[in-house]
Amino acid sequence: MTGTGAWFNGEPTTIATLLAEGQVVLIDFWTYTCINCLRTLPYLRDWHEKYSERGLTILGVHSPEFEFEKVPENVAAAVERHDVTWRVVQDNEMGTFRAFSNYYWPAKYLIGADGRMRYSHFGEGAYAETERQIRLALAAAGYDVSDIAEGAPPPPAQDPSAPTVTRELYMGYERSYTAQFRDGAGYAGQPEFYEAADRVVLYEDNLPHAHNRWYLHGLWKNEREAVVHVRRTSDPEDYVALRFAARSVNVVINPLRQDEPFEVVVEIEGRPLTPEEAGADILFDDLGRSILEINGPRLYRVVEQPEWGVKELKLRSTSDNLAIFAFTFGIYDAGA
């Protein structure tokens, strides 16, 4: 591990130190707004609880995707919010990420007590196989795990009725101004987004909405990692809209001023979400609106439909404190 920063849930250490202590080491590369990473945490938690006293050390390497994920206080809050109890180290400059020649979130590397790389897995899934490899590595190191039951709750199944799912939609120009997007095939639905970087535009949403694109209405600024709503309004007339194909929708939002919480009004098909469609972070106000209370930089769970469908989604706000970074989508039976 190289170029590391702040540590959480324990004192700084090294892989060499842990190996000298006879430990088996599981490296987990993650970042706290990555829905794929968050879906793996229950399994890491299960392995930590079962095997941490039998020779397994999990090291979470937090390699951020967005600038605000580099802030130690934000990572600390995420570690607490998601009940991450194993040691986590910040990898803000991606030094350890690159040292492992890693390209993925999440990614897991299992190192035996003899220092040999025994197993790796990229992305979600393969939880039973990963645990089997952990147990084999522990047994090879001389630890007895025969009295520990193998297996965790099965992972959620993908909805077999879902023929497709919307791609991850990034909002900043860093991922939208590449050469292949110059022809208008990028994420943004309106050509004004591509005319210049860091530009404030009064958008009009007057185009048909295509799948895998997003559309703005009102006064917004395109920034490197996000689109930012740059005016206060009396009514939530300004919005971002998209047509999605999924069971679940999540959005990454960072309030520009952390001490000014605000609301985002969420609509599906031009109406409030129903309780059956509402994601875990949706609240309902006295006006019957479905809303998000934005109180920190994180991923918010917006939609969890009981079945797959193609729907129109709008996020409206009156606040000039709103920066939207990305949307992610899922087709799992259990949502998220």
C-alpha atoms as a PDB file:
ATOM      1  CA  MET A   1       0.000   0.000   0.000  1.00  0.00           C
ATOM      2  CA  THR A   2       1.352   3.394  -0.955  1.00  0.00           C
ATOM      3  CA  GLY A   3       0.340   7.042  -0.757  1.00  0.00           C
ATOM      4  CA  THR A   4      -2.255   6.393   1.913  1.00  0.00           C
ATOM      5  CA  GLY A   5      -3.914   9.013   4.113  1.00  0.00           C
ATOM      6  CA  ALA A   6      -6.225   8.922   7.123  1.00  0.00           C
ATOM      7  CA  TRP A   7      -7.096   5.654   8.844  1.00  0.00           C
ATOM      8  CA  PHE A   8     -10.431   4.727  10.410  1.00  0.00           C
ATOM      9  CA  ASN A   9     -11.350   1.990  12.925  1.00  0.00           C
ATOM     10  CA  GLY A  10      -7.760   1.346  13.923  1.00  0.00           C
ATOM     11  CA  GLU A  11      -4.142   2.371  13.822  1.00  0.00           C
ATOM     12  CA  PRO A  12      -2.169   2.512  10.576  1.00  0.00           C
ATOM     13  CA  THR A  13      -0.631  -0.767   9.506  1.00  0.00           C
ATOM     14  CA  THR A  14       0.982  -2.420   6.497  1.00  0.00           C
ATOM     15  CA  ILE A  15       0.365  -5.659   4.675  1.00  0.00           C
ATOM     16  CA  ALA A  16       3.884  -6.761   5.619  1.00  0.00           C
ATOM     17  CA  THR A  17       3.161  -6.169   9.309  1.00  0.00           C
ATOM     18  CA  LEU A  18      -0.024  -8.197   9.155  1.00  0.00           C
ATOM     19  CA  LEU A  19       1.666 -11.048   7.311  1.00  0.00           C
ATOM     20  CA  ALA A  20       4.442 -11.069   9.922  1.00  0.00           C
ATOM     21  CA  GLU A  21       1.689 -11.549  12.507  1.00  0.00           C
ATOM     22  CA  GLY A  22       0.394 -14.578  10.583  1.00  0.00           C
ATOM     23  CA  GLN A  23      -2.701 -12.844   9.288  1.00  0.00           C
ATOM     24  CA  VAL A  24      -4.592 -13.545   6.087  1.00  0.00           C
ATOM     25  CA  VAL A  25      -5.372 -10.177   4.462  1.00  0.00           C
ATOM     26  CA  LEU A  26      -8.393  -9.291   2.358  1.00  0.00           C
ATOM     27  CA  ILE A  27      -7.993  -5.979   0.531  1.00  0.00           C
ATOM     28  CA  ASP A  28     -11.285  -4.346  -0.476  1.00  0.00           C
ATOM     29  CA  PHE A  29     -11.140  -1.391  -2.873  1.00  0.00           C
ATOM     30  CA  TRP A  30     -14.290   0.674  -2.545  1.00  0.00           C
ATOM     31  CA  THR A  31     -15.724   4.173  -2.503  1.00  0.00           C
ATOM     32  CA  TYR A  32     -18.728   5.203  -0.507  1.00  0.00           C
ATOM     33  CA  THR A  33     -21.000   6.515  -3.272  1.00  0.00           C
ATOM     34  CA  CYS A  34     -20.569   3.393  -5.417  1.00  0.00           C
ATOM     35  CA  ILE A  35     -23.793   1.359  -5.233  1.00  0.00           C
ATOM     36  CA  ASN A  36     -21.918  -1.775  -6.342  1.00  0.00           C
ATOM     37  CA  CYS A  37     -19.527  -1.330  -3.409  1.00  0.00           C
ATOM     38  CA  LEU A  38     -22.366  -0.742  -0.955  1.00  0.00           C
ATOM     39  CA  ARG A  39     -24.087  -3.941  -2.047  1.00  0.00           C
ATOM     40  CA  THR A  40     -20.983  -5.952  -1.050  1.00  0.00           C
ATOM     41  CA  LEU A  41     -20.706  -4.523   2.481  1.00  0.00           C
ATOM     42  CA  PRO A  42     -23.079  -7.017   4.156  1.00  0.00           C
ATOM     43  CA  TYR A  43     -20.835  -9.871   3.017  1.00  0.00           C
ATOM     44  CA  LEU A  44     -17.661  -8.144   4.191  1.00  0.00           C
ATOM     45  CA  ARG A  45     -19.404  -7.519   7.502  1.00  0.00           C
ATOM     46  CA  ASP A  46     -20.298 -11.216   7.758  1.00  0.00           C
ATOM     47  CA  TRP A  47     -16.714 -12.324   7.035  1.00  0.00           C
ATOM     48  CA  HIS A  48     -15.283  -9.807   9.492  1.00  0.00           C
ATOM     49  CA  GLU A  49     -17.609 -10.981  12.268  1.00  0.00           C
ATOM     50  CA  LYS A  50     -16.906 -14.660  11.647  1.00  0.00           C
ATOM     51  CA  TYR A  51     -13.193 -14.707  10.882  1.00  0.00           C
ATOM     52  CA  SER A  52     -11.503 -11.645  12.401  1.00  0.00           C
ATOM     53  CA  GLU A  53     -10.703 -13.661  15.526  1.00  0.00           C
ATOM     54  CA  ARG A  54      -9.454 -16.564  13.389  1.00  0.00           C
ATOM     55  CA  GLY A  55      -6.704 -14.826  11.444  1.00  0.00           C
ATOM     56  CA  LEU A  56      -8.489 -12.704   8.852  1.00  0.00           C
ATOM     57  CA  THR A  57      -7.845  -8.971   8.574  1.00  0.00           C
ATOM     58  CA  ILE A  58      -9.958  -6.968   6.152  1.00  0.00           C
ATOM     59  CA  LEU A  59      -8.424  -3.701   4.950  1.00  0.00           C
ATOM     60  CA  GLY A  60     -10.825  -1.367   3.213  1.00  0.00           C
ATOM     61  CA  VAL A  61      -8.972   0.889   0.762  1.00  0.00           C
ATOM     62  CA  HIS A  62     -11.186   3.879   0.051  1.00  0.00           C
ATOM     63  CA  SER A  63     -10.241   5.040  -3.455  1.00  0.00           C
ATOM     64  CA  PRO A  64     -12.546   7.963  -4.300  1.00  0.00           C
ATOM     65  CA  GLU A  65     -14.356   8.544  -7.559  1.00  0.00           C
ATOM     66  CA  PHE A  66     -15.359  12.156  -6.776  1.00  0.00           C
ATOM     67  CA  GLU A  67     -13.461  14.996  -5.108  1.00  0.00           C
ATOM     68  CA  PHE A  68     -15.822  15.277  -2.134  1.00  0.00           C
ATOM     69  CA  GLU A  69     -15.121  11.630  -1.314  1.00  0.00           C
ATOM     70  CA  LYS A  70     -11.570  12.672  -0.439  1.00  0.00           C
ATOM     71  CA  VAL A  71     -12.717  14.630   2.621  1.00  0.00           C
ATOM     72  CA  PRO A  72     -11.881  12.575   5.750  1.00  0.00           C
ATOM     73  CA  GLU A  73     -15.030  13.712   7.586  1.00  0.00           C
ATOM     74  CA  ASN A  74     -17.189  12.483   4.705  1.00  0.00           C
ATOM     75  CA  VAL A  75     -15.481   9.090   4.716  1.00  0.00           C
ATOM     76  CA  ALA A  76     -15.774   8.837   8.502  1.00  0.00           C
ATOM     77  CA  ALA A  77     -19.503   9.562   8.293  1.00  0.00           C
ATOM     78  CA  ALA A  78     -19.923   6.920   5.590  1.00  0.00           C
ATOM     79  CA  VAL A  79     -17.978   4.331   7.603  1.00  0.00           C
ATOM     80  CA  GLU A  80     -20.322   4.914  10.531  1.00  0.00           C
ATOM     81  CA  ARG A  81     -23.496   5.114   8.427  1.00  0.00           C
ATOM     82  CA  HIS A  82     -22.792   1.804   6.691  1.00  0.00           C
ATOM     83  CA  ASP A  83     -21.578  -0.002   9.830  1.00  0.00           C
ATOM     84  CA  VAL A  84     -18.081  -0.624   8.485  1.00  0.00           C
ATOM     85  CA  THR A  85     -16.195  -1.922  11.521  1.00  0.00           C
ATOM     86  CA  TRP A  86     -12.947  -3.109   9.894  1.00  0.00           C
ATOM     87  CA  ARG A  87      -9.981  -0.844   9.232  1.00  0.00           C
ATOM     88  CA  VAL A  88     -10.290   1.585   6.328  1.00  0.00           C
ATOM     89  CA  VAL A  89      -7.553   3.762   4.847  1.00  0.00           C
ATOM     90  CA  GLN A  90      -7.941   6.668   2.453  1.00  0.00           C
ATOM     91  CA  ASP A  91      -6.283   6.267  -0.938  1.00  0.00           C
ATOM     92  CA  ASN A  92      -7.037   9.758  -2.228  1.00  0.00           C
ATOM     93  CA  GLU A  93      -4.244   9.839  -4.811  1.00  0.00           C
ATOM     94  CA  MET A  94      -5.081   6.293  -5.979  1.00  0.00           C
ATOM     95  CA  GLY A  95      -1.534   5.164  -5.198  1.00  0.00           C
ATOM     96  CA  THR A  96      -2.549   1.796  -3.779  1.00  0.00           C
ATOM     97  CA  PHE A  97      -5.255   1.435  -6.439  1.00  0.00           C
ATOM     98  CA  ARG A  98      -2.554   1.734  -9.113  1.00  0.00           C
ATOM     99  CA  ALA A  99       0.005  -0.348  -7.186  1.00  0.00           C
ATOM    100  CA  PHE A 100      -2.410  -3.290  -7.430  1.00  0.00           C
ATOM    101  CA  SER A 101      -2.957  -2.541 -11.156  1.00  0.00           C
ATOM    102  CA  ASN A 102      -6.598  -2.313 -10.194  1.00  0.00           C
ATOM    103  CA  TYR A 103      -9.311  -0.874 -12.430  1.00  0.00           C
ATOM    104  CA  TYR A 104     -12.499  -1.711 -10.542  1.00  0.00           C
ATOM    105  CA  TRP A 105     -14.864  -0.702  -7.751  1.00  0.00           C
ATOM    106  CA  PRO A 106     -15.343  -2.907  -5.830  1.00  0.00           C
ATOM    107  CA  ALA A 107     -12.332  -5.189  -6.080  1.00  0.00           C
ATOM    108  CA  LYS A 108     -11.098  -7.793  -3.605  1.00  0.00           C
ATOM    109  CA  TYR A 109      -7.610  -9.273  -3.287  1.00  0.00           C
ATOM    110  CA  LEU A 110      -6.956 -12.138  -0.863  1.00  0.00           C
ATOM    111  CA  ILE A 111      -3.364 -12.492   0.373  1.00  0.00           C
ATOM    112  CA  GLY A 112      -2.387 -15.641   2.254  1.00  0.00           C
ATOM    113  CA  ALA A 113      -0.274 -15.556   5.389  1.00  0.00           C
ATOM    114  CA  ASP A 114       2.644 -16.722   3.234  1.00  0.00           C
ATOM    115  CA  GLY A 115       2.410 -13.489   1.208  1.00  0.00           C
ATOM    116  CA  ARG A 116       1.006 -15.182  -1.890  1.00  0.00           C
ATOM    117  CA  MET A 117      -1.936 -13.650  -3.736  1.00  0.00           C
ATOM    118  CA  ARG A 118      -4.452 -16.464  -3.476  1.00  0.00           C
ATOM    119  CA  TYR A 119      -7.582 -15.001  -5.063  1.00  0.00           C
ATOM    120  CA  SER A 120      -9.125 -11.876  -6.540  1.00  0.00           C
ATOM    121  CA  HIS A 121     -12.608 -10.854  -7.594  1.00  0.00           C
ATOM    122  CA  PHE A 122     -13.906  -7.745  -9.325  1.00  0.00           C
ATOM    123  CA  GLY A 123     -17.403  -6.360  -8.970  1.00  0.00           C
ATOM    124  CA  GLU A 124     -20.319  -7.804  -7.093  1.00  0.00           C
ATOM    125  CA  GLY A 125     -21.157 -11.467  -6.613  1.00  0.00           C
ATOM    126  CA  ALA A 126     -19.103 -14.651  -6.119  1.00  0.00           C
ATOM    127  CA  TYR A 127     -19.668 -14.318  -2.359  1.00  0.00           C
ATOM    128  CA  ALA A 128     -19.727 -18.072  -1.716  1.00  0.00           C
ATOM    129  CA  GLU A 129     -16.536 -18.577  -3.733  1.00  0.00           C
ATOM    130  CA  THR A 130     -14.810 -15.670  -1.967  1.00  0.00           C
ATOM    131  CA  GLU A 131     -15.690 -17.068   1.454  1.00  0.00           C
ATOM    132  CA  ARG A 132     -14.479 -20.508   0.386  1.00  0.00           C
ATOM    133  CA  GLN A 133     -11.134 -19.005  -0.604  1.00  0.00           C
ATOM    134  CA  ILE A 134     -10.939 -17.140   2.725  1.00  0.00           C
ATOM    135  CA  ARG A 135     -11.485 -20.390   4.611  1.00  0.00           C
ATOM    136  CA  LEU A 136      -8.865 -22.205   2.523  1.00  0.00           C
ATOM    137  CA  ALA A 137      -6.337 -19.424   3.146  1.00  0.00           C
ATOM    138  CA  LEU A 138      -7.031 -19.476   6.878  1.00  0.00           C
ATOM    139  CA  ALA A 139      -6.700 -23.264   7.005  1.00  0.00           C
ATOM    140  CA  ALA A 140      -3.401 -23.060   5.113  1.00  0.00           C
ATOM    141  CA  ALA A 141      -2.191 -20.556   7.718  1.00  0.00           C
ATOM    142  CA  GLY A 142      -3.020 -23.000  10.519  1.00  0.00           C
ATOM    143  CA  TYR A 143      -6.342 -21.579  11.704  1.00  0.00           C
ATOM    144  CA  ASP A 144      -9.235 -23.917  12.496  1.00  0.00           C
ATOM    145  CA  VAL A 145     -12.535 -22.598  11.119  1.00  0.00           C
ATOM    146  CA  SER A 146     -14.357 -25.930  11.036  1.00  0.00           C
ATOM    147  CA  ASP A 147     -16.756 -24.828  13.778  1.00  0.00           C
ATOM    148  CA  ILE A 148     -17.837 -21.709  11.845  1.00  0.00           C
ATOM    149  CA  ALA A 149     -20.801 -22.153   9.556  1.00  0.00           C
ATOM    150  CA  GLU A 150     -20.022 -21.303   5.958  1.00  0.00           C
ATOM    151  CA  GLY A 151     -22.372 -19.117   3.994  1.00  0.00           C
ATOM    152  CA  ALA A 152     -24.267 -15.852   4.257  1.00  0.00           C
ATOM    153  CA  PRO A 153     -27.749 -14.845   3.088  1.00  0.00           C
ATOM    154  CA  PRO A 154     -27.989 -15.368  -0.671  1.00  0.00           C
ATOM    155  CA  PRO A 155     -27.442 -12.252  -2.759  1.00  0.00           C
ATOM    156  CA  PRO A 156     -30.476 -10.608  -4.343  1.00  0.00           C
ATOM    157  CA  ALA A 157     -31.457 -12.084  -7.674  1.00  0.00           C
ATOM    158  CA  GLN A 158     -31.769 -10.048 -10.825  1.00  0.00           C
ATOM    159  CA  ASP A 159     -35.323  -9.577 -12.042  1.00  0.00           C
ATOM    160  CA  PRO A 160     -35.736 -12.178 -14.824  1.00  0.00           C
ATOM    161  CA  SER A 161     -38.360  -9.997 -16.500  1.00  0.00           C
ATOM    162  CA  ALA A 162     -35.912  -7.099 -17.010  1.00  0.00           C
ATOM    163  CA  PRO A 163     -34.685  -7.063 -20.632  1.00  0.00           C
ATOM    164  CA  THR A 164     -32.343  -4.110 -20.074  1.00  0.00           C
ATOM    165  CA  VAL A 165     -31.192  -1.572 -17.494  1.00  0.00           C
ATOM    166  CA  THR A 166     -30.224   2.068 -17.857  1.00  0.00           C
ATOM    167  CA  ARG A 167     -26.465   2.658 -17.841  1.00  0.00           C
ATOM    168  CA  GLU A 168     -24.825   4.704 -15.104  1.00  0.00           C
ATOM    169  CA  LEU A 169     -25.370   8.358 -15.988  1.00  0.00           C
ATOM    170  CA  TYR A 170     -22.611  10.809 -15.086  1.00  0.00           C
ATOM    171  CA  MET A 171     -23.459  14.507 -14.907  1.00  0.00           C
ATOM    172  CA  GLY A 172     -20.091  16.288 -15.155  1.00  0.00           C
ATOM    173  CA  TYR A 173     -18.288  17.146 -18.356  1.00  0.00           C
ATOM    174  CA  GLU A 174     -15.185  15.158 -17.374  1.00  0.00           C
ATOM    175  CA  ARG A 175     -16.957  11.998 -18.541  1.00  0.00           C
ATOM    176  CA  SER A 176     -19.094  13.659 -21.208  1.00  0.00           C
ATOM    177  CA  TYR A 177     -16.579  15.691 -23.227  1.00  0.00           C
ATOM    178  CA  THR A 178     -14.610  12.764 -24.566  1.00  0.00           C
ATOM    179  CA  ALA A 179     -14.237  12.423 -28.325  1.00  0.00           C
ATOM    180  CA  GLN A 180     -16.898   9.769 -28.754  1.00  0.00           C
ATOM    181  CA  PHE A 181     -19.461  12.079 -27.122  1.00  0.00           C
ATOM    182  CA  ARG A 182     -18.784  15.071 -29.353  1.00  0.00           C
ATOM    183  CA  ASP A 183     -21.360  13.822 -31.826  1.00  0.00           C
ATOM    184  CA  GLY A 184     -24.137  14.272 -29.265  1.00  0.00           C
ATOM    185  CA  ALA A 185     -24.218  10.618 -28.228  1.00  0.00           C
ATOM    186  CA  GLY A 186     -23.138  11.382 -24.664  1.00  0.00           C
ATOM    187  CA  TYR A 187     -25.089  11.454 -21.458  1.00  0.00           C
ATOM    188  CA  ALA A 188     -26.490  14.971 -21.747  1.00  0.00           C
ATOM    189  CA  GLY A 189     -29.654  15.290 -23.762  1.00  0.00           C
ATOM    190  CA  GLN A 190     -29.230  18.919 -24.838  1.00  0.00           C
ATOM    191  CA  PRO A 191     -26.481  20.203 -27.156  1.00  0.00           C
ATOM    192  CA  GLU A 192     -25.954  23.351 -25.033  1.00  0.00           C
ATOM    193  CA  PHE A 193     -24.207  21.181 -22.430  1.00  0.00           C
ATOM    194  CA  TYR A 194     -21.378  20.511 -24.897  1.00  0.00           C
ATOM    195  CA  GLU A 195     -20.791  24.068 -26.096  1.00  0.00           C
ATOM    196  CA  ALA A 196     -18.347  24.997 -23.322  1.00  0.00           C
ATOM    197  CA  ALA A 197     -17.190  23.833 -19.903  1.00  0.00           C
ATOM    198  CA  ASP A 198     -18.075  25.588 -16.636  1.00  0.00           C
ATOM    199  CA  ARG A 199     -20.877  27.487 -18.356  1.00  0.00           C
ATOM    200  CA  VAL A 200     -24.181  28.669 -16.881  1.00  0.00           C
ATOM    201  CA  VAL A 201     -27.092  27.998 -19.239  1.00  0.00           C
ATOM    202  CA  LEU A 202     -30.832  28.595 -19.036  1.00  0.00           C
ATOM    203  CA  TYR A 203     -31.981  25.221 -20.333  1.00  0.00           C
ATOM    204  CA  GLU A 204     -35.361  24.492 -21.873  1.00  0.00           C
ATOM    205  CA  ASP A 205     -36.531  20.913 -21.769  1.00  0.00           C
ATOM    206  CA  ASN A 206     -38.284  20.768 -25.122  1.00  0.00           C
ATOM    207  CA  LEU A 207     -36.817  17.628 -26.708  1.00  0.00           C
ATOM    208  CA  PRO A 208     -38.194  14.074 -26.716  1.00  0.00           C
ATOM    209  CA  HIS A 209     -36.533  12.122 -23.904  1.00  0.00           C
ATOM    210  CA  ALA A 210     -34.340   9.273 -25.107  1.00  0.00           C
ATOM    211  CA  HIS A 211     -33.220   6.376 -22.933  1.00  0.00           C
ATOM    212  CA  ASN A 212     -29.728   6.614 -21.361  1.00  0.00           C
ATOM    213  CA  ARG A 213     -29.736  10.432 -21.489  1.00  0.00           C
ATOM    214  CA  TRP A 214     -30.641  13.210 -19.036  1.00  0.00           C
ATOM    215  CA  TYR A 215     -32.258  16.602 -19.654  1.00  0.00           C
ATOM    216  CA  LEU A 216     -32.142  19.904 -17.766  1.00  0.00           C
ATOM    217  CA  HIS A 217     -34.718  22.634 -17.320  1.00  0.00           C
ATOM    218  CA  GLY A 218     -33.881  25.966 -15.709  1.00  0.00           C
ATOM    219  CA  LEU A 219     -30.574  27.598 -14.796  1.00  0.00           C
ATOM    220  CA  TRP A 220     -27.719  25.115 -14.409  1.00  0.00           C
ATOM    221  CA  LYS A 221     -23.930  25.113 -14.607  1.00  0.00           C
ATOM    222  CA  ASN A 222     -21.954  22.238 -16.065  1.00  0.00           C
ATOM    223  CA  GLU A 223     -18.913  21.491 -13.910  1.00  0.00           C
ATOM    224  CA  ARG A 224     -16.184  18.865 -14.147  1.00  0.00           C
ATOM    225  CA  GLU A 225     -17.935  16.282 -11.959  1.00  0.00           C
ATOM    226  CA  ALA A 226     -21.498  17.566 -11.617  1.00  0.00           C
ATOM    227  CA  VAL A 227     -24.283  19.768 -12.849  1.00  0.00           C
ATOM    228  CA  VAL A 228     -25.100  22.523 -10.360  1.00  0.00           C
ATOM    229  CA  HIS A 229     -28.398  24.325  -9.913  1.00  0.00           C
ATOM    230  CA  VAL A 230     -27.363  27.982  -9.695  1.00  0.00           C
ATOM    231  CA  ARG A 231     -30.467  29.907  -8.726  1.00  0.00           C
ATOM    232  CA  ARG A 232     -33.032  30.003  -5.965  1.00  0.00           C
ATOM    233  CA  THR A 233     -36.654  29.889  -7.056  1.00  0.00           C
ATOM    234  CA  SER A 234     -39.937  30.215  -5.210  1.00  0.00           C
ATOM    235  CA  ASP A 235     -41.350  27.111  -6.911  1.00  0.00           C
ATOM    236  CA  PRO A 236     -39.495  23.934  -7.915  1.00  0.00           C
ATOM    237  CA  GLU A 237     -39.741  24.783 -11.606  1.00  0.00           C
ATOM    238  CA  ASP A 238     -36.155  23.756 -12.440  1.00  0.00           C
ATOM    239  CA  TYR A 239     -35.403  20.075 -12.756  1.00  0.00           C
ATOM    240  CA  VAL A 240     -33.335  17.256 -14.189  1.00  0.00           C
ATOM    241  CA  ALA A 241     -35.352  14.627 -16.050  1.00  0.00           C
ATOM    242  CA  LEU A 242     -34.554  11.211 -17.443  1.00  0.00           C
ATOM    243  CA  ARG A 243     -36.291   8.186 -18.865  1.00  0.00           C
ATOM    244  CA  PHE A 244     -35.081   5.046 -17.119  1.00  0.00           C
ATOM    245  CA  ALA A 245     -35.527   1.301 -17.476  1.00  0.00           C
ATOM    246  CA  ALA A 246     -34.940  -0.361 -14.102  1.00  0.00           C
ATOM    247  CA  ARG A 247     -36.422  -1.387 -10.787  1.00  0.00           C
ATOM    248  CA  SER A 248     -34.324   0.978  -8.684  1.00  0.00           C
ATOM    249  CA  VAL A 249     -32.761   4.421  -9.092  1.00  0.00           C
ATOM    250  CA  ASN A 250     -30.058   6.044  -6.952  1.00  0.00           C
ATOM    251  CA  VAL A 251     -28.535   9.518  -7.201  1.00  0.00           C
ATOM    252  CA  VAL A 252     -25.248  10.940  -5.887  1.00  0.00           C
ATOM    253  CA  ILE A 253     -25.728  14.472  -4.529  1.00  0.00           C
ATOM    254  CA  ASN A 254     -23.323  16.809  -2.744  1.00  0.00           C
ATOM    255  CA  PRO A 255     -24.661  19.951  -1.053  1.00  0.00           C
ATOM    256  CA  LEU A 256     -22.229  22.726  -1.954  1.00  0.00           C
ATOM    257  CA  ARG A 257     -22.714  24.273   1.478  1.00  0.00           C
ATOM    258  CA  GLN A 258     -22.812  21.507   4.040  1.00  0.00           C
ATOM    259  CA  ASP A 259     -24.617  23.558   6.678  1.00  0.00           C
ATOM    260  CA  GLU A 260     -27.635  24.290   4.437  1.00  0.00           C
ATOM    261  CA  PRO A 261     -29.867  21.207   4.062  1.00  0.00           C
ATOM    262  CA  PHE A 262     -32.627  21.416   1.475  1.00  0.00           C
ATOM    263  CA  GLU A 263     -35.293  19.352  -0.242  1.00  0.00           C
ATOM    264  CA  VAL A 264     -35.505  17.773  -3.676  1.00  0.00           C
ATOM    265  CA  VAL A 265     -38.975  16.969  -4.992  1.00  0.00           C
ATOM    266  CA  VAL A 266     -39.128  13.631  -6.795  1.00  0.00           C
ATOM    267  CA  GLU A 267     -41.739  12.805  -9.422  1.00  0.00           C
ATOM    268  CA  ILE A 268     -42.339   9.710 -11.501  1.00  0.00           C
ATOM    269  CA  GLU A 269     -44.569   9.925 -14.546  1.00  0.00           C
ATOM    270  CA  GLY A 270     -45.471  13.479 -13.463  1.00  0.00           C
ATOM    271  CA  ARG A 271     -46.728  12.499  -9.996  1.00  0.00           C
ATOM    272  CA  PRO A 272     -45.317  11.756  -6.533  1.00  0.00           C
ATOM    273  CA  LEU A 273     -43.899   8.328  -5.855  1.00  0.00           C
ATOM    274  CA  THR A 274     -46.171   5.895  -4.077  1.00  0.00           C
ATOM    275  CA  PRO A 275     -44.892   4.207  -0.902  1.00  0.00           C
ATOM    276  CA  GLU A 276     -44.503   1.015  -2.955  1.00  0.00           C
ATOM    277  CA  GLU A 277     -42.210   2.815  -5.420  1.00  0.00           C
ATOM    278  CA  ALA A 278     -40.256   4.867  -2.900  1.00  0.00           C
ATOM    279  CA  GLY A 279     -36.584   4.237  -2.275  1.00  0.00           C
ATOM    280  CA  ALA A 280     -35.191   4.091   1.242  1.00  0.00           C
ATOM    281  CA  ASP A 281     -34.378   7.835   1.365  1.00  0.00           C
ATOM    282  CA  ILE A 282     -37.775   9.098   0.175  1.00  0.00           C
ATOM    283  CA  LEU A 283     -39.983  10.990   2.620  1.00  0.00           C
ATOM    284  CA  PHE A 284     -43.519  12.320   2.129  1.00  0.00           C
ATOM    285  CA  ASP A 285     -44.357  15.879   3.153  1.00  0.00           C
ATOM    286  CA  ASP A 286     -47.648  17.456   4.245  1.00  0.00           C
ATOM    287  CA  LEU A 287     -48.449  18.308   0.637  1.00  0.00           C
ATOM    288  CA  GLY A 288     -48.256  14.657  -0.363  1.00  0.00           C
ATOM    289  CA  ARG A 289     -45.031  15.186  -2.302  1.00  0.00           C
ATOM    290  CA  SER A 290     -42.268  12.587  -2.365  1.00  0.00           C
ATOM    291  CA  ILE A 291     -39.035  14.303  -1.369  1.00  0.00           C
ATOM    292  CA  LEU A 292     -35.384  13.768  -0.569  1.00  0.00           C
ATOM    293  CA  GLU A 293     -33.909  15.653   2.379  1.00  0.00           C
ATOM    294  CA  ILE A 294     -30.387  16.509   1.244  1.00  0.00           C
ATOM    295  CA  ASN A 295     -28.235  16.737   4.357  1.00  0.00           C
ATOM    296  CA  GLY A 296     -24.864  15.422   3.262  1.00  0.00           C
ATOM    297  CA  PRO A 297     -22.679  14.282   0.361  1.00  0.00           C
ATOM    298  CA  ARG A 298     -23.726  10.722  -0.409  1.00  0.00           C
ATOM    299  CA  LEU A 299     -25.753   8.339  -2.522  1.00  0.00           C
ATOM    300  CA  TYR A 300     -29.526   8.690  -2.058  1.00  0.00           C
ATOM    301  CA  ARG A 301     -31.898   5.816  -2.789  1.00  0.00           C
ATOM    302  CA  VAL A 302     -34.745   7.283  -4.803  1.00  0.00           C
ATOM    303  CA  VAL A 303     -36.839   4.589  -6.492  1.00  0.00           C
ATOM    304  CA  GLU A 304     -37.459   0.937  -5.661  1.00  0.00           C
ATOM    305  CA  GLN A 305     -40.265  -0.326  -7.882  1.00  0.00           C
ATOM    306  CA  PRO A 306     -41.953  -3.661  -7.134  1.00  0.00           C
ATOM    307  CA  GLU A 307     -41.346  -4.643 -10.757  1.00  0.00           C
ATOM    308  CA  TRP A 308     -39.206  -3.595 -13.699  1.00  0.00           C
ATOM    309  CA  GLY A 309     -40.538  -0.758 -15.803  1.00  0.00           C
ATOM    310  CA  VAL A 310     -39.714   2.137 -18.101  1.00  0.00           C
ATOM    311  CA  LYS A 311     -40.623   5.424 -16.411  1.00  0.00           C
ATOM    312  CA  GLU A 312     -39.996   9.164 -16.562  1.00  0.00           C
ATOM    313  CA  LEU A 313     -38.231  10.590 -13.473  1.00  0.00           C
ATOM    314  CA  LYS A 314     -37.810  14.221 -12.461  1.00  0.00           C
ATOM    315  CA  LEU A 315     -35.841  15.745  -9.590  1.00  0.00           C
ATOM    316  CA  ARG A 316     -36.912  19.318  -8.836  1.00  0.00           C
ATOM    317  CA  SER A 317     -35.383  21.860  -6.455  1.00  0.00           C
ATOM    318  CA  THR A 318     -35.638  25.509  -5.459  1.00  0.00           C
ATOM    319  CA  SER A 319     -32.144  25.485  -3.915  1.00  0.00           C
ATOM    320  CA  ASP A 320     -28.893  26.813  -5.348  1.00  0.00           C
ATOM    321  CA  ASN A 321     -27.065  24.340  -3.109  1.00  0.00           C
ATOM    322  CA  LEU A 322     -27.691  21.320  -5.333  1.00  0.00           C
ATOM    323  CA  ALA A 323     -24.919  19.495  -7.202  1.00  0.00           C
ATOM    324  CA  ILE A 324     -25.840  16.217  -8.920  1.00  0.00           C
ATOM    325  CA  PHE A 325     -22.989  13.853  -9.777  1.00  0.00           C
ATOM    326  CA  ALA A 326     -24.448  10.589 -11.056  1.00  0.00           C
ATOM    327  CA  PHE A 327     -27.459   8.305 -11.340  1.00  0.00           C
ATOM    328  CA  THR A 328     -27.215   4.527 -10.969  1.00  0.00           C
ATOM    329  CA  PHE A 329     -29.838   1.884 -11.669  1.00  0.00           C
ATOM    330  CA  GLY A 330     -30.618  -1.662 -10.562  1.00  0.00           C
ATOM    331  CA  ILE A 331     -32.740  -4.641 -11.588  1.00  0.00           C
ATOM    332  CA  TYR A 332     -32.535  -6.657  -8.380  1.00  0.00           C
ATOM    333  CA  ASP A 333     -35.604  -8.226  -6.780  1.00  0.00           C
ATOM    334  CA  ALA A 334     -34.670  -6.627  -3.465  1.00  0.00           C
ATOM    335  CA  GLY A 335     -34.224  -3.148  -4.918  1.00  0.00           C
ATOM    336  CA  ALA A 336     -31.142  -0.900  -4.730  1.00  0.00           C
END
